[in-house]
Amino acid sequence: MTAPSTAIAAGDPGMDVRTVGTGSPLLFLHGESGLLFCDALLQRLGEQFTVVAPSHPGWGASPRLATDRSLDDLAYRYLDLLETFDEPAFVLGCGLGAWLALEVATKQQTDISGLTLVSPVGIRTGEPTKRHYLDRYAVSADAVATALYGAPDRGPDLSTRTDAELLQLARAQEAAAYYTWQPYLHNPSLLARLHRVRRPVQILSGAMDGMILADDHVATLQAALGGPTESHVLPDAGHRVEEQQPDALAQHVVRFARETAAVRR
């Protein structure tokens, strides 16, 4: 079942926002493919939270403004959105959305209770000639599918999707390239800012993630963050944990969000 979609104003002409469930607010920041394959996760999270799941500007039906040039720019759109909530929200970001969550949290955390980052990108380490991420535009489609899902035949079956959904996916791929191509999948300034993130952070990774190539990626993130952190590896998942392990992911989020709320009280 697809969660209902509504348009809300958040200090901008309006983003397309999907809401589902009841409870404390959870802001869901989707990854590169948008919300198209996230229904199972959103429904599971909606059992415990009021899930607010916008399509980022350039994805879904959300317009991209002339001022939307980077994820750093988009962070201010979400700061405005967070201010409309009645209480601090838990933030869950996946892939590109986890990067965006960090951009938001380095700027202001008053409206954030805690964060879960799934397969987070956004930083890089090592020499300039050493790849930190797989260059998905320079390898075969099977190699990309293996990096994302652990095997070339484990991704979503696109033959079951409507023309409108395929157009939505194409728009998502275009937007991902627009925001992440140069510099590739990271903000060179972000790593030095992560000490400002003092809210509790949970980092979840897929055991078969082939997009993130750097062995020190999660350790680097944890060392740079300014607050308490924990990390877990989910088996039988690639980079797209939110699609492949929605139940396990939701369980981790619910447990961590509850612990975070207890500490704040």
C-alpha atoms as a PDB file:
ATOM      1  CA  MET A   1       0.000   0.000   0.000  1.00  0.00           C
ATOM      2  CA  THR A   2       1.298   3.439  -0.913  1.00  0.00           C
ATOM      3  CA  ALA A   3       1.213   5.997   1.872  1.00  0.00           C
ATOM      4  CA  PRO A   4      -0.905   9.106   1.191  1.00  0.00           C
ATOM      5  CA  SER A   5       0.812  12.101  -0.351  1.00  0.00           C
ATOM      6  CA  THR A   6       0.194  15.725   0.505  1.00  0.00           C
ATOM      7  CA  ALA A   7       1.863  18.973  -0.468  1.00  0.00           C
ATOM      8  CA  ILE A   8       3.018  21.182   2.391  1.00  0.00           C
ATOM      9  CA  ALA A   9       4.637  24.578   2.454  1.00  0.00           C
ATOM     10  CA  ALA A  10       7.887  24.714   4.375  1.00  0.00           C
ATOM     11  CA  GLY A  11       9.308  28.103   3.630  1.00  0.00           C
ATOM     12  CA  ASP A  12       9.358  27.285  -0.110  1.00  0.00           C
ATOM     13  CA  PRO A  13       6.862  26.749  -2.957  1.00  0.00           C
ATOM     14  CA  GLY A  14       6.083  23.332  -1.482  1.00  0.00           C
ATOM     15  CA  MET A  15       7.539  19.849  -1.459  1.00  0.00           C
ATOM     16  CA  ASP A  16       5.597  16.697  -2.190  1.00  0.00           C
ATOM     17  CA  VAL A  17       5.349  14.993   1.198  1.00  0.00           C
ATOM     18  CA  ARG A  18       4.081  11.544   2.093  1.00  0.00           C
ATOM     19  CA  THR A  19       2.802  11.042   5.644  1.00  0.00           C
ATOM     20  CA  VAL A  20       1.857   7.803   7.356  1.00  0.00           C
ATOM     21  CA  GLY A  21       1.177   6.580  10.884  1.00  0.00           C
ATOM     22  CA  THR A  22       0.715   8.178  14.275  1.00  0.00           C
ATOM     23  CA  GLY A  23       3.044   8.963  17.158  1.00  0.00           C
ATOM     24  CA  SER A  24       6.145  11.047  17.628  1.00  0.00           C
ATOM     25  CA  PRO A  25       7.482  12.623  14.428  1.00  0.00           C
ATOM     26  CA  LEU A  26      10.057  10.857  12.288  1.00  0.00           C
ATOM     27  CA  LEU A  27      11.520  12.659   9.286  1.00  0.00           C
ATOM     28  CA  PHE A  28      12.476  10.177   6.571  1.00  0.00           C
ATOM     29  CA  LEU A  29      15.065  11.374   4.048  1.00  0.00           C
ATOM     30  CA  HIS A  30      15.089   9.009   1.093  1.00  0.00           C
ATOM     31  CA  GLY A  31      18.032   7.826  -0.975  1.00  0.00           C
ATOM     32  CA  GLU A  32      18.903   8.093  -4.641  1.00  0.00           C
ATOM     33  CA  SER A  33      15.798   6.324  -5.988  1.00  0.00           C
ATOM     34  CA  GLY A  34      13.347   8.464  -4.034  1.00  0.00           C
ATOM     35  CA  LEU A  35      10.330   6.963  -2.291  1.00  0.00           C
ATOM     36  CA  LEU A  36       9.421   4.503  -5.037  1.00  0.00           C
ATOM     37  CA  PHE A  37      10.686   1.374  -3.262  1.00  0.00           C
ATOM     38  CA  CYS A  38      10.182   2.496   0.358  1.00  0.00           C
ATOM     39  CA  ASP A  39       6.533   1.605   0.985  1.00  0.00           C
ATOM     40  CA  ALA A  40       7.239  -1.442   3.165  1.00  0.00           C
ATOM     41  CA  LEU A  41       9.603   0.508   5.409  1.00  0.00           C
ATOM     42  CA  LEU A  42       7.274   3.519   5.703  1.00  0.00           C
ATOM     43  CA  GLN A  43       4.331   1.320   6.646  1.00  0.00           C
ATOM     44  CA  ARG A  44       6.393  -0.491   9.268  1.00  0.00           C
ATOM     45  CA  LEU A  45       7.665   2.771  10.763  1.00  0.00           C
ATOM     46  CA  GLY A  46       4.135   4.190  10.686  1.00  0.00           C
ATOM     47  CA  GLU A  47       3.162   1.655  13.342  1.00  0.00           C
ATOM     48  CA  GLN A  48       5.291   3.611  15.829  1.00  0.00           C
ATOM     49  CA  PHE A  49       5.738   7.129  14.412  1.00  0.00           C
ATOM     50  CA  THR A  50       4.118   9.849  12.408  1.00  0.00           C
ATOM     51  CA  VAL A  51       6.420   9.456   9.424  1.00  0.00           C
ATOM     52  CA  VAL A  52       6.966  12.549   7.311  1.00  0.00           C
ATOM     53  CA  ALA A  53       8.621  11.518   4.050  1.00  0.00           C
ATOM     54  CA  PRO A  54       9.228  14.349   1.574  1.00  0.00           C
ATOM     55  CA  SER A  55      10.469  13.891  -1.950  1.00  0.00           C
ATOM     56  CA  HIS A  56      13.617  16.002  -2.134  1.00  0.00           C
ATOM     57  CA  PRO A  57      13.548  18.878  -4.629  1.00  0.00           C
ATOM     58  CA  GLY A  58      14.067  17.242  -8.019  1.00  0.00           C
ATOM     59  CA  TRP A  59      12.484  13.920  -6.991  1.00  0.00           C
ATOM     60  CA  GLY A  60       8.847  12.910  -7.168  1.00  0.00           C
ATOM     61  CA  ALA A  61       6.603  15.925  -7.625  1.00  0.00           C
ATOM     62  CA  SER A  62       8.855  18.300  -5.689  1.00  0.00           C
ATOM     63  CA  PRO A  63      10.116  21.192  -7.812  1.00  0.00           C
ATOM     64  CA  ARG A  64      13.813  22.001  -7.901  1.00  0.00           C
ATOM     65  CA  LEU A  65      14.441  25.722  -7.484  1.00  0.00           C
ATOM     66  CA  ALA A  66      17.284  27.649  -9.066  1.00  0.00           C
ATOM     67  CA  THR A  67      18.823  27.936  -5.596  1.00  0.00           C
ATOM     68  CA  ASP A  68      18.817  24.125  -5.097  1.00  0.00           C
ATOM     69  CA  ARG A  69      22.370  23.485  -6.279  1.00  0.00           C
ATOM     70  CA  SER A  70      23.702  21.060  -3.647  1.00  0.00           C
ATOM     71  CA  LEU A  71      22.627  18.964  -0.692  1.00  0.00           C
ATOM     72  CA  ASP A  72      24.039  21.732   1.485  1.00  0.00           C
ATOM     73  CA  ASP A  73      21.405  24.023  -0.078  1.00  0.00           C
ATOM     74  CA  LEU A  74      18.647  21.445   0.490  1.00  0.00           C
ATOM     75  CA  ALA A  75      19.557  21.240   4.180  1.00  0.00           C
ATOM     76  CA  TYR A  76      18.026  24.660   4.747  1.00  0.00           C
ATOM     77  CA  ARG A  77      14.733  23.494   3.235  1.00  0.00           C
ATOM     78  CA  TYR A  78      14.624  20.741   5.853  1.00  0.00           C
ATOM     79  CA  LEU A  79      15.604  23.058   8.690  1.00  0.00           C
ATOM     80  CA  ASP A  80      12.490  25.056   7.808  1.00  0.00           C
ATOM     81  CA  LEU A  81      10.402  21.874   7.733  1.00  0.00           C
ATOM     82  CA  LEU A  82      11.664  20.675  11.124  1.00  0.00           C
ATOM     83  CA  GLU A  83      10.621  23.962  12.695  1.00  0.00           C
ATOM     84  CA  THR A  84       6.992  23.210  11.803  1.00  0.00           C
ATOM     85  CA  PHE A  85       6.888  20.088  14.007  1.00  0.00           C
ATOM     86  CA  ASP A  86       5.446  20.279  17.532  1.00  0.00           C
ATOM     87  CA  GLU A  87       8.416  18.431  19.039  1.00  0.00           C
ATOM     88  CA  PRO A  88      11.936  17.399  18.052  1.00  0.00           C
ATOM     89  CA  ALA A  89      11.843  14.754  15.331  1.00  0.00           C
ATOM     90  CA  PHE A  90      13.895  11.629  14.940  1.00  0.00           C
ATOM     91  CA  VAL A  91      15.659  11.714  11.566  1.00  0.00           C
ATOM     92  CA  LEU A  92      16.221   8.617   9.418  1.00  0.00           C
ATOM     93  CA  GLY A  93      18.289   9.054   6.261  1.00  0.00           C
ATOM     94  CA  CYS A  94      19.259   6.428   3.684  1.00  0.00           C
ATOM     95  CA  GLY A  95      22.199   6.743   1.283  1.00  0.00           C
ATOM     96  CA  LEU A  96      22.055  10.233  -0.145  1.00  0.00           C
ATOM     97  CA  GLY A  97      19.389  10.997   2.474  1.00  0.00           C
ATOM     98  CA  ALA A  98      21.826  10.092   5.268  1.00  0.00           C
ATOM     99  CA  TRP A  99      24.289  12.579   3.800  1.00  0.00           C
ATOM    100  CA  LEU A 100      21.511  15.171   3.755  1.00  0.00           C
ATOM    101  CA  ALA A 101      20.655  14.384   7.389  1.00  0.00           C
ATOM    102  CA  LEU A 102      24.244  15.150   8.366  1.00  0.00           C
ATOM    103  CA  GLU A 103      24.198  18.421   6.422  1.00  0.00           C
ATOM    104  CA  VAL A 104      21.082  19.407   8.389  1.00  0.00           C
ATOM    105  CA  ALA A 105      22.436  18.334  11.769  1.00  0.00           C
ATOM    106  CA  THR A 106      25.723  20.233  11.392  1.00  0.00           C
ATOM    107  CA  LYS A 107      23.716  23.454  11.133  1.00  0.00           C
ATOM    108  CA  GLN A 108      21.080  23.139  13.875  1.00  0.00           C
ATOM    109  CA  GLN A 109      19.978  20.285  16.158  1.00  0.00           C
ATOM    110  CA  THR A 110      17.360  21.854  18.401  1.00  0.00           C
ATOM    111  CA  ASP A 111      14.584  20.214  16.384  1.00  0.00           C
ATOM    112  CA  ILE A 112      16.308  16.795  16.132  1.00  0.00           C
ATOM    113  CA  SER A 113      16.140  14.106  18.844  1.00  0.00           C
ATOM    114  CA  GLY A 114      18.507  11.619  17.203  1.00  0.00           C
ATOM    115  CA  LEU A 115      19.549  10.200  13.850  1.00  0.00           C
ATOM    116  CA  THR A 116      19.835   6.861  12.096  1.00  0.00           C
ATOM    117  CA  LEU A 117      22.086   6.878   9.038  1.00  0.00           C
ATOM    118  CA  VAL A 118      21.692   3.951   6.646  1.00  0.00           C
ATOM    119  CA  SER A 119      24.500   3.334   4.141  1.00  0.00           C
ATOM    120  CA  PRO A 120      25.597   6.957   4.591  1.00  0.00           C
ATOM    121  CA  VAL A 121      27.595   8.710   1.898  1.00  0.00           C
ATOM    122  CA  GLY A 122      28.773  12.334   1.920  1.00  0.00           C
ATOM    123  CA  ILE A 123      32.398  12.093   3.074  1.00  0.00           C
ATOM    124  CA  ARG A 124      35.544  10.628   1.589  1.00  0.00           C
ATOM    125  CA  THR A 125      38.978   9.644   2.876  1.00  0.00           C
ATOM    126  CA  GLY A 126      42.255   8.568   1.345  1.00  0.00           C
ATOM    127  CA  GLU A 127      44.280   9.871  -1.556  1.00  0.00           C
ATOM    128  CA  PRO A 128      42.546  11.641  -4.458  1.00  0.00           C
ATOM    129  CA  THR A 129      43.389   8.734  -6.783  1.00  0.00           C
ATOM    130  CA  LYS A 130      41.927   6.110  -4.441  1.00  0.00           C
ATOM    131  CA  ARG A 131      38.227   5.405  -4.911  1.00  0.00           C
ATOM    132  CA  HIS A 132      36.058   5.816  -1.841  1.00  0.00           C
ATOM    133  CA  TYR A 133      32.838   4.987  -3.707  1.00  0.00           C
ATOM    134  CA  LEU A 134      32.080   2.824  -6.709  1.00  0.00           C
ATOM    135  CA  ASP A 135      31.762   4.962  -9.844  1.00  0.00           C
ATOM    136  CA  ARG A 136      28.340   3.757 -10.907  1.00  0.00           C
ATOM    137  CA  TYR A 137      28.594   5.658 -14.182  1.00  0.00           C
ATOM    138  CA  ALA A 138      31.760   3.844 -15.257  1.00  0.00           C
ATOM    139  CA  VAL A 139      30.803   0.201 -14.640  1.00  0.00           C
ATOM    140  CA  SER A 140      28.237  -2.213 -16.046  1.00  0.00           C
ATOM    141  CA  ALA A 141      24.585  -2.329 -14.987  1.00  0.00           C
ATOM    142  CA  ASP A 142      25.214  -5.734 -13.370  1.00  0.00           C
ATOM    143  CA  ALA A 143      28.092  -4.296 -11.342  1.00  0.00           C
ATOM    144  CA  VAL A 144      25.886  -1.458 -10.115  1.00  0.00           C
ATOM    145  CA  ALA A 145      23.083  -3.871  -9.193  1.00  0.00           C
ATOM    146  CA  THR A 146      25.544  -6.066  -7.310  1.00  0.00           C
ATOM    147  CA  ALA A 147      26.873  -3.061  -5.388  1.00  0.00           C
ATOM    148  CA  LEU A 148      23.367  -1.907  -4.507  1.00  0.00           C
ATOM    149  CA  TYR A 149      21.728  -5.265  -3.753  1.00  0.00           C
ATOM    150  CA  GLY A 150      24.479  -7.886  -3.350  1.00  0.00           C
ATOM    151  CA  ALA A 151      23.758  -9.639  -6.668  1.00  0.00           C
ATOM    152  CA  PRO A 152      22.646  -8.508 -10.132  1.00  0.00           C
ATOM    153  CA  ASP A 153      19.262 -10.246  -9.848  1.00  0.00           C
ATOM    154  CA  ARG A 154      18.197  -9.025  -6.399  1.00  0.00           C
ATOM    155  CA  GLY A 155      16.972  -5.560  -7.292  1.00  0.00           C
ATOM    156  CA  PRO A 156      13.333  -4.535  -7.801  1.00  0.00           C
ATOM    157  CA  ASP A 157      11.436  -6.014 -10.738  1.00  0.00           C
ATOM    158  CA  LEU A 158      10.872  -2.962 -12.924  1.00  0.00           C
ATOM    159  CA  SER A 159       8.632  -4.921 -15.304  1.00  0.00           C
ATOM    160  CA  THR A 160       5.852  -4.694 -12.708  1.00  0.00           C
ATOM    161  CA  ARG A 161       6.041  -0.890 -12.520  1.00  0.00           C
ATOM    162  CA  THR A 162       3.763   1.511 -14.352  1.00  0.00           C
ATOM    163  CA  ASP A 163       4.972   4.039 -16.896  1.00  0.00           C
ATOM    164  CA  ALA A 164       4.404   6.803 -14.345  1.00  0.00           C
ATOM    165  CA  GLU A 165       6.579   5.002 -11.793  1.00  0.00           C
ATOM    166  CA  LEU A 166       9.330   4.429 -14.346  1.00  0.00           C
ATOM    167  CA  LEU A 167       9.239   8.133 -15.195  1.00  0.00           C
ATOM    168  CA  GLN A 168       9.503   8.867 -11.476  1.00  0.00           C
ATOM    169  CA  LEU A 169      12.567   6.610 -11.276  1.00  0.00           C
ATOM    170  CA  ALA A 170      14.167   8.316 -14.277  1.00  0.00           C
ATOM    171  CA  ARG A 171      13.623  11.709 -12.641  1.00  0.00           C
ATOM    172  CA  ALA A 172      15.212  10.367  -9.448  1.00  0.00           C
ATOM    173  CA  GLN A 173      18.279   9.171 -11.352  1.00  0.00           C
ATOM    174  CA  GLU A 174      18.602  12.556 -13.022  1.00  0.00           C
ATOM    175  CA  ALA A 175      18.346  14.373  -9.681  1.00  0.00           C
ATOM    176  CA  ALA A 176      20.892  12.072  -8.036  1.00  0.00           C
ATOM    177  CA  ALA A 177      23.385  12.799 -10.806  1.00  0.00           C
ATOM    178  CA  TYR A 178      22.689  16.533 -10.570  1.00  0.00           C
ATOM    179  CA  TYR A 179      23.430  16.722  -6.840  1.00  0.00           C
ATOM    180  CA  THR A 180      26.183  14.115  -6.453  1.00  0.00           C
ATOM    181  CA  TRP A 181      28.263  14.039  -9.640  1.00  0.00           C
ATOM    182  CA  GLN A 182      30.833  16.744  -8.882  1.00  0.00           C
ATOM    183  CA  PRO A 183      32.305  16.259  -6.357  1.00  0.00           C
ATOM    184  CA  TYR A 184      31.222  12.642  -6.484  1.00  0.00           C
ATOM    185  CA  LEU A 185      28.994  11.526  -3.597  1.00  0.00           C
ATOM    186  CA  HIS A 186      30.535  13.843  -1.002  1.00  0.00           C
ATOM    187  CA  ASN A 187      30.895  17.364   0.285  1.00  0.00           C
ATOM    188  CA  PRO A 188      34.607  18.119   0.854  1.00  0.00           C
ATOM    189  CA  SER A 189      33.664  20.404   3.762  1.00  0.00           C
ATOM    190  CA  LEU A 190      31.358  18.001   5.604  1.00  0.00           C
ATOM    191  CA  LEU A 191      33.878  15.830   7.440  1.00  0.00           C
ATOM    192  CA  ALA A 192      35.374  18.818   9.241  1.00  0.00           C
ATOM    193  CA  ARG A 193      31.902  19.903  10.372  1.00  0.00           C
ATOM    194  CA  LEU A 194      30.734  16.595  11.840  1.00  0.00           C
ATOM    195  CA  HIS A 195      31.951  17.435  15.344  1.00  0.00           C
ATOM    196  CA  ARG A 196      28.915  19.739  15.482  1.00  0.00           C
ATOM    197  CA  VAL A 197      26.561  16.721  15.379  1.00  0.00           C
ATOM    198  CA  ARG A 198      26.087  16.053  19.090  1.00  0.00           C
ATOM    199  CA  ARG A 199      22.809  14.172  18.996  1.00  0.00           C
ATOM    200  CA  PRO A 200      22.997  10.355  19.266  1.00  0.00           C
ATOM    201  CA  VAL A 201      23.695   8.732  15.904  1.00  0.00           C
ATOM    202  CA  GLN A 202      23.118   5.148  14.795  1.00  0.00           C
ATOM    203  CA  ILE A 203      24.892   3.952  11.643  1.00  0.00           C
ATOM    204  CA  LEU A 204      23.534   0.906   9.794  1.00  0.00           C
ATOM    205  CA  SER A 205      25.305  -0.785   6.885  1.00  0.00           C
ATOM    206  CA  GLY A 206      24.567  -3.705   4.598  1.00  0.00           C
ATOM    207  CA  ALA A 207      27.052  -6.568   4.767  1.00  0.00           C
ATOM    208  CA  MET A 208      27.178  -6.718   0.950  1.00  0.00           C
ATOM    209  CA  ASP A 209      27.357  -2.977   0.277  1.00  0.00           C
ATOM    210  CA  GLY A 210      29.533  -2.558  -2.802  1.00  0.00           C
ATOM    211  CA  MET A 211      28.981   1.171  -3.281  1.00  0.00           C
ATOM    212  CA  ILE A 212      31.117   2.219  -0.312  1.00  0.00           C
ATOM    213  CA  LEU A 213      34.629   0.940  -1.011  1.00  0.00           C
ATOM    214  CA  ALA A 214      36.630   2.533   1.822  1.00  0.00           C
ATOM    215  CA  ASP A 215      37.250   0.120   4.702  1.00  0.00           C
ATOM    216  CA  ASP A 216      37.490   2.983   7.193  1.00  0.00           C
ATOM    217  CA  HIS A 217      34.261   4.695   6.152  1.00  0.00           C
ATOM    218  CA  VAL A 218      32.067   3.986   9.196  1.00  0.00           C
ATOM    219  CA  ALA A 219      34.955   4.300  11.641  1.00  0.00           C
ATOM    220  CA  THR A 220      35.819   7.689  10.164  1.00  0.00           C
ATOM    221  CA  LEU A 221      32.234   8.860  10.529  1.00  0.00           C
ATOM    222  CA  GLN A 222      31.999   7.695  14.114  1.00  0.00           C
ATOM    223  CA  ALA A 223      35.284   9.314  15.087  1.00  0.00           C
ATOM    224  CA  ALA A 224      34.284  12.634  13.550  1.00  0.00           C
ATOM    225  CA  LEU A 225      30.815  12.899  15.115  1.00  0.00           C
ATOM    226  CA  GLY A 226      30.525  14.962  18.292  1.00  0.00           C
ATOM    227  CA  GLY A 227      28.027  12.832  20.203  1.00  0.00           C
ATOM    228  CA  PRO A 228      27.393   9.184  21.127  1.00  0.00           C
ATOM    229  CA  THR A 229      27.329   6.709  18.246  1.00  0.00           C
ATOM    230  CA  GLU A 230      26.685   3.062  17.569  1.00  0.00           C
ATOM    231  CA  SER A 231      26.970   1.006  14.396  1.00  0.00           C
ATOM    232  CA  HIS A 232      25.547  -2.270  13.138  1.00  0.00           C
ATOM    233  CA  VAL A 233      25.902  -4.376  10.007  1.00  0.00           C
ATOM    234  CA  LEU A 234      22.759  -5.964   8.592  1.00  0.00           C
ATOM    235  CA  PRO A 235      23.294  -9.319   6.852  1.00  0.00           C
ATOM    236  CA  ASP A 236      21.889 -10.210   3.452  1.00  0.00           C
ATOM    237  CA  ALA A 237      21.725  -6.597   2.277  1.00  0.00           C
ATOM    238  CA  GLY A 238      23.705  -4.402  -0.058  1.00  0.00           C
ATOM    239  CA  HIS A 239      23.703  -0.601  -0.162  1.00  0.00           C
ATOM    240  CA  ARG A 240      19.900  -0.410  -0.313  1.00  0.00           C
ATOM    241  CA  VAL A 241      19.150  -1.714   3.170  1.00  0.00           C
ATOM    242  CA  GLU A 242      15.846   0.166   3.283  1.00  0.00           C
ATOM    243  CA  GLU A 243      14.555  -1.878   0.342  1.00  0.00           C
ATOM    244  CA  GLN A 244      16.004  -5.274   1.255  1.00  0.00           C
ATOM    245  CA  GLN A 245      15.637  -5.332   5.053  1.00  0.00           C
ATOM    246  CA  PRO A 246      12.742  -3.006   5.934  1.00  0.00           C
ATOM    247  CA  ASP A 247      11.624  -4.973   8.995  1.00  0.00           C
ATOM    248  CA  ALA A 248      15.099  -5.299  10.517  1.00  0.00           C
ATOM    249  CA  LEU A 249      15.833  -1.661   9.751  1.00  0.00           C
ATOM    250  CA  ALA A 250      12.590  -0.527  11.379  1.00  0.00           C
ATOM    251  CA  GLN A 251      13.366  -2.580  14.481  1.00  0.00           C
ATOM    252  CA  HIS A 252      16.760  -0.903  14.843  1.00  0.00           C
ATOM    253  CA  VAL A 253      15.228   2.550  14.368  1.00  0.00           C
ATOM    254  CA  VAL A 254      12.404   1.991  16.871  1.00  0.00           C
ATOM    255  CA  ARG A 255      14.760   0.693  19.537  1.00  0.00           C
ATOM    256  CA  PHE A 256      17.309   3.483  19.053  1.00  0.00           C
ATOM    257  CA  ALA A 257      14.664   6.221  18.907  1.00  0.00           C
ATOM    258  CA  ARG A 258      13.128   4.997  22.157  1.00  0.00           C
ATOM    259  CA  GLU A 259      16.507   4.917  23.881  1.00  0.00           C
ATOM    260  CA  THR A 260      17.291   8.380  22.579  1.00  0.00           C
ATOM    261  CA  ALA A 261      13.980   9.745  23.853  1.00  0.00           C
ATOM    262  CA  ALA A 262      14.570   8.171  27.282  1.00  0.00           C
ATOM    263  CA  VAL A 263      17.974   9.838  27.560  1.00  0.00           C
ATOM    264  CA  ARG A 264      16.507  13.246  26.631  1.00  0.00           C
ATOM    265  CA  ARG A 265      13.898  12.921  29.357  1.00  0.00           C
END
